[in-house]
Amino acid sequence: MFTLIPNLPANPVTAVLLGEKYGLYAEALLKLGIKTYSLPCCAELCGEERHHADMLVHHVGKNRIFVCKNVYSKVVSLYKYSCFEFLESAEALQQKYPRNILLNGLNIGNLFFHNLKNTDKTLISEYENKGYKLVNVKQGYSKCSVAVIDESSAITSDCGMAEAMTAAGIEVLLIRPGYIVLEENHYGFIGGSTVKLSGKRLAFTGSLELHPDKNRILRFLENKKTEPVFLTDGPLTDVGSILPVMEEDNCS
């Protein structure tokens, strides 16, 4: 069986989860031979968060995907003939922070980072049963704020996440906040604008040309033997993460 570690595909990705609003990126991915499973809007959230995959679902490995209670029945209905094993969150998402970030935890290696008092209970139990080390951080948008490069390296603009990951033995490139488009907000996050396409390819939703840390990011990727891929020529945009999932032809 093809095994997919969350955020860290070893083989070339052939399928992703992405908010239904972001067809532009789905088209770009299709040109690379990657199918998009679109996620429905969550009316209970506000602004762009309604469409963000890392708010609505959480991939825990292989084909197991936690889905927020708000859109669970819609997702199951849409993809009832797929190979995914959908698991319903214990609680529904609510508009105001921190009840909107119940599934936005970060999985890297055998570590799970999140604001643990606000993590969905079913997700906590899943990682405890898997033997992961749970690391409490202040950042509720843990997944969105971090671009995972490999099991021991990542990029973020969040100082708290950088400190926690470094303490856990992860090499972190700390970049300046901002310079990533997110409608209705001041700026987006690097994790929400990237996706691993294989073990050694990291895709960006747009160009790094306007980011002041462009050269530092590219050098970091080069040192990690990771090739950057740019899905569009537009600005780097936070779409709430593009999540690589199990290849449909390899689910049995």
Protein backbone atom coordinates (compact mmCIF):
# COMPACT_ATOMS: atom_id res chain seq x y z
CA MET A 1 0.00 0.00 0.00
CA PHE A 2 1.14 3.52 -0.81
CA THR A 3 1.53 5.30 2.53
CA LEU A 4 1.26 9.06 2.72
CA ILE A 5 2.57 10.93 5.74
CA PRO A 6 0.62 14.17 6.25
CA ASN A 7 2.33 17.14 4.52
CA LEU A 8 5.28 14.96 3.45
CA PRO A 9 4.61 12.85 0.35
CA ALA A 10 7.60 10.71 -0.61
CA ASN A 11 6.24 9.94 -4.08
CA PRO A 12 4.86 12.37 -6.67
CA VAL A 13 1.43 13.61 -5.56
CA THR A 14 -1.55 12.83 -7.79
CA ALA A 15 -4.36 14.27 -5.62
CA VAL A 16 -4.89 17.19 -3.25
CA LEU A 17 -7.60 18.76 -1.11
CA LEU A 18 -8.32 22.43 -1.77
CA GLY A 19 -11.14 24.89 -1.03
CA GLU A 20 -13.64 25.02 -3.91
CA LYS A 21 -13.09 28.76 -4.40
CA TYR A 22 -9.54 28.30 -5.65
CA GLY A 23 -10.11 26.91 -9.12
CA LEU A 24 -7.15 28.86 -10.51
CA TYR A 25 -4.76 26.68 -8.54
CA ALA A 26 -6.72 23.51 -9.31
CA GLU A 27 -6.18 24.25 -13.01
CA ALA A 28 -2.46 24.78 -12.47
CA LEU A 29 -2.20 21.52 -10.54
CA LEU A 30 -4.12 19.64 -13.23
CA LYS A 31 -1.46 20.68 -15.74
CA LEU A 32 1.01 18.87 -13.48
CA GLY A 33 -1.15 15.76 -13.49
CA ILE A 34 -2.62 16.39 -10.05
CA LYS A 35 -6.34 15.97 -9.36
CA THR A 36 -8.10 18.33 -6.93
CA TYR A 37 -10.82 17.25 -4.51
CA SER A 38 -12.68 20.49 -3.82
CA LEU A 39 -13.98 21.20 -0.33
CA PRO A 40 -17.31 23.02 0.18
CA CYS A 41 -17.62 26.39 1.84
CA CYS A 42 -18.21 26.44 5.61
CA ALA A 43 -20.88 29.09 6.20
CA GLU A 44 -20.20 29.28 9.94
CA LEU A 45 -16.73 30.74 9.39
CA CYS A 46 -16.03 34.23 8.12
CA GLY A 47 -14.15 35.70 5.17
CA GLU A 48 -11.62 33.57 3.38
CA GLU A 49 -11.54 31.05 6.23
CA ARG A 50 -14.83 29.65 4.93
CA HIS A 51 -12.89 28.22 1.99
CA HIS A 52 -9.64 27.17 3.67
CA ALA A 53 -8.84 23.46 3.58
CA ASP A 54 -6.65 23.61 6.69
CA MET A 55 -9.64 24.96 8.65
CA LEU A 56 -12.13 22.40 7.35
CA VAL A 57 -10.13 19.16 7.35
CA HIS A 58 -7.06 17.55 8.87
CA HIS A 59 -5.20 14.69 7.20
CA VAL A 60 -3.73 12.29 9.75
CA GLY A 61 -2.06 9.80 7.43
CA LYS A 62 -2.77 7.25 4.68
CA ASN A 63 -6.37 7.96 3.60
CA ARG A 64 -7.72 9.06 7.02
CA ILE A 65 -9.11 12.60 7.01
CA PHE A 66 -10.86 14.42 9.83
CA VAL A 67 -13.61 16.73 8.58
CA CYS A 68 -15.26 19.49 10.61
CA LYS A 69 -18.79 18.63 11.71
CA ASN A 70 -20.11 21.66 9.77
CA VAL A 71 -19.41 20.20 6.30
CA TYR A 72 -18.93 16.52 7.14
CA SER A 73 -22.13 15.28 5.49
CA LYS A 74 -21.46 17.33 2.34
CA VAL A 75 -17.93 15.99 2.00
CA VAL A 76 -19.02 12.39 2.55
CA SER A 77 -21.77 12.81 -0.04
CA LEU A 78 -19.44 14.40 -2.59
CA TYR A 79 -16.77 11.72 -2.30
CA LYS A 80 -18.69 8.66 -1.11
CA TYR A 81 -17.15 6.56 -3.87
CA SER A 82 -13.59 7.67 -3.14
CA CYS A 83 -11.14 5.69 -1.05
CA PHE A 84 -10.98 8.27 1.74
CA GLU A 85 -11.89 7.38 5.30
CA PHE A 86 -13.68 10.46 6.60
CA LEU A 87 -13.86 11.02 10.34
CA GLU A 88 -16.19 13.60 11.86
CA SER A 89 -14.86 16.17 14.31
CA ALA A 90 -16.29 16.14 17.83
CA GLU A 91 -17.29 19.80 17.66
CA ALA A 92 -18.55 22.17 15.00
CA LEU A 93 -16.44 25.15 13.99
CA GLN A 94 -17.63 28.57 15.10
CA GLN A 95 -16.90 31.99 13.65
CA LYS A 96 -14.87 33.52 16.46
CA TYR A 97 -11.33 32.55 17.42
CA PRO A 98 -10.40 30.11 18.94
CA ARG A 99 -13.46 27.99 18.06
CA ASN A 100 -12.57 28.27 14.38
CA ILE A 101 -9.14 26.59 14.57
CA LEU A 102 -10.06 23.18 16.03
CA LEU A 103 -8.44 21.24 13.14
CA ASN A 104 -5.60 23.62 12.22
CA GLY A 105 -2.83 21.67 13.94
CA LEU A 106 0.59 20.97 12.43
CA ASN A 107 1.90 17.44 11.88
CA ILE A 108 5.64 17.16 11.21
CA GLY A 109 7.56 13.95 11.72
CA ASN A 110 6.16 12.36 14.90
CA LEU A 111 5.26 15.74 16.40
CA PHE A 112 1.91 17.53 16.58
CA PHE A 113 1.93 21.28 17.28
CA HIS A 114 -1.19 23.20 18.21
CA ASN A 115 -2.92 25.32 20.80
CA LEU A 116 -3.94 22.09 22.50
CA LYS A 117 -6.71 23.40 24.72
CA ASN A 118 -8.54 24.34 21.51
CA THR A 119 -7.77 21.24 19.44
CA ASP A 120 -10.72 19.02 18.54
CA LYS A 121 -10.92 16.16 21.04
CA THR A 122 -11.08 13.46 18.38
CA LEU A 123 -7.92 14.81 16.76
CA ILE A 124 -6.09 14.84 20.10
CA SER A 125 -7.10 11.21 20.70
CA GLU A 126 -5.93 10.22 17.22
CA TYR A 127 -2.43 11.57 17.77
CA GLU A 128 -2.20 10.22 21.31
CA ASN A 129 -3.13 6.76 20.03
CA LYS A 130 -0.51 7.05 17.28
CA GLY A 131 2.16 7.82 19.88
CA TYR A 132 2.91 11.34 18.67
CA LYS A 133 4.45 13.94 20.93
CA LEU A 134 1.93 16.76 21.43
CA VAL A 135 3.50 20.22 21.66
CA ASN A 136 1.42 23.12 22.95
CA VAL A 137 1.90 26.49 21.21
CA LYS A 138 0.03 29.78 21.31
CA GLN A 139 -0.52 29.87 17.55
CA GLY A 140 -3.96 28.43 16.75
CA TYR A 141 -3.25 28.58 13.01
CA SER A 142 -0.35 26.16 13.41
CA LYS A 143 -0.71 24.35 10.07
CA CYS A 144 -1.33 27.51 8.09
CA SER A 145 1.67 29.30 9.59
CA VAL A 146 4.30 26.69 8.66
CA ALA A 147 5.62 25.34 5.36
CA VAL A 148 6.94 21.85 6.05
CA ILE A 149 10.03 20.98 4.00
CA ASP A 150 10.88 17.58 5.45
CA GLU A 151 10.64 15.76 8.79
CA SER A 152 13.32 17.98 10.30
CA SER A 153 12.99 21.37 8.59
CA ALA A 154 10.36 24.03 8.01
CA ILE A 155 9.75 27.70 7.13
CA THR A 156 7.62 30.11 9.16
CA SER A 157 7.18 33.78 10.00
CA ASP A 158 5.77 32.99 13.45
CA CYS A 159 8.37 33.43 16.21
CA GLY A 160 6.49 31.22 18.66
CA MET A 161 6.21 28.36 16.19
CA ALA A 162 9.87 28.77 15.26
CA GLU A 163 10.93 28.60 18.91
CA ALA A 164 8.81 25.50 19.61
CA MET A 165 9.98 23.66 16.50
CA THR A 166 13.62 24.52 17.11
CA ALA A 167 13.32 23.20 20.68
CA ALA A 168 11.94 19.97 19.21
CA GLY A 169 14.97 19.56 16.94
CA ILE A 170 13.55 21.00 13.72
CA GLU A 171 15.68 23.35 11.64
CA VAL A 172 13.63 26.49 11.00
CA LEU A 173 14.00 29.32 8.53
CA LEU A 174 12.32 32.32 10.18
CA ILE A 175 11.13 34.79 7.55
CA ARG A 176 9.55 38.22 7.83
CA PRO A 177 5.76 38.31 8.31
CA GLY A 178 3.63 39.72 5.53
CA TYR A 179 4.04 39.85 1.73
CA ILE A 180 1.50 37.03 1.28
CA VAL A 181 -1.96 37.96 0.04
CA LEU A 182 -5.01 37.08 2.11
CA GLU A 183 -8.25 38.89 1.33
CA GLU A 184 -9.92 40.83 4.14
CA ASN A 185 -6.85 40.49 6.35
CA HIS A 186 -3.47 42.16 6.63
CA TYR A 187 -1.48 39.21 5.29
CA GLY A 188 -1.43 35.45 4.97
CA PHE A 189 0.93 32.69 6.03
CA ILE A 190 3.61 30.71 4.19
CA GLY A 191 2.06 27.34 5.06
CA GLY A 192 -1.25 28.40 3.58
CA SER A 193 0.45 29.23 0.29
CA THR A 194 2.53 26.06 -0.24
CA VAL A 195 2.22 22.31 -0.78
CA LYS A 196 4.73 19.48 -1.12
CA LEU A 197 4.30 17.82 -4.52
CA SER A 198 6.84 15.09 -3.79
CA GLY A 199 9.68 14.42 -1.40
CA LYS A 200 11.84 17.04 -3.11
CA ARG A 201 9.38 19.51 -4.69
CA LEU A 202 7.62 22.37 -2.90
CA ALA A 203 4.95 24.33 -4.78
CA PHE A 204 4.08 27.96 -4.10
CA THR A 205 0.72 29.44 -5.11
CA GLY A 206 2.48 32.39 -6.69
CA SER A 207 5.76 34.16 -7.23
CA LEU A 208 8.37 34.97 -4.55
CA GLU A 209 9.51 38.06 -6.44
CA LEU A 210 7.85 40.51 -4.05
CA HIS A 211 8.94 38.72 -0.89
CA PRO A 212 11.98 40.35 0.78
CA ASP A 213 13.24 36.93 1.91
CA LYS A 214 13.05 35.40 -1.56
CA ASN A 215 16.77 34.61 -1.74
CA ARG A 216 16.89 33.19 1.79
CA ILE A 217 13.92 30.94 1.02
CA LEU A 218 15.46 29.70 -2.22
CA ARG A 219 18.82 29.05 -0.55
CA PHE A 220 17.13 27.13 2.25
CA LEU A 221 15.30 24.96 -0.28
CA GLU A 222 18.51 24.42 -2.24
CA ASN A 223 20.28 23.28 0.92
CA LYS A 224 17.44 20.82 1.50
CA LYS A 225 17.68 19.65 -2.11
CA THR A 226 14.10 20.79 -2.66
CA GLU A 227 12.96 22.24 -5.98
CA PRO A 228 10.57 25.22 -5.90
CA VAL A 229 7.55 25.08 -8.22
CA PHE A 230 5.41 28.16 -8.90
CA LEU A 231 1.77 27.44 -9.73
CA THR A 232 1.09 30.96 -11.05
CA ASP A 233 2.93 34.17 -11.87
CA GLY A 234 0.69 36.14 -9.52
CA PRO A 235 1.42 37.17 -5.95
CA LEU A 236 2.04 34.58 -3.26
CA THR A 237 -1.45 33.91 -1.87
CA ASP A 238 -2.68 32.15 1.25
CA VAL A 239 -5.39 29.71 0.11
CA GLY A 240 -5.60 27.88 3.44
CA SER A 241 -3.12 25.22 2.37
CA ILE A 242 -3.26 22.70 -0.45
CA LEU A 243 -3.22 19.28 1.20
CA PRO A 244 -1.65 16.24 -0.51
CA VAL A 245 -3.69 13.06 0.01
CA MET A 246 -3.57 9.34 -0.77
CA GLU A 247 -3.49 8.45 -4.45
CA GLU A 248 -6.90 7.06 -5.32
CA ASP A 249 -5.51 4.16 -7.35
CA ASN A 250 -3.51 2.95 -4.36
CA CYS A 251 -6.12 2.79 -1.63
CA SER A 252 -6.65 -0.94 -1.49
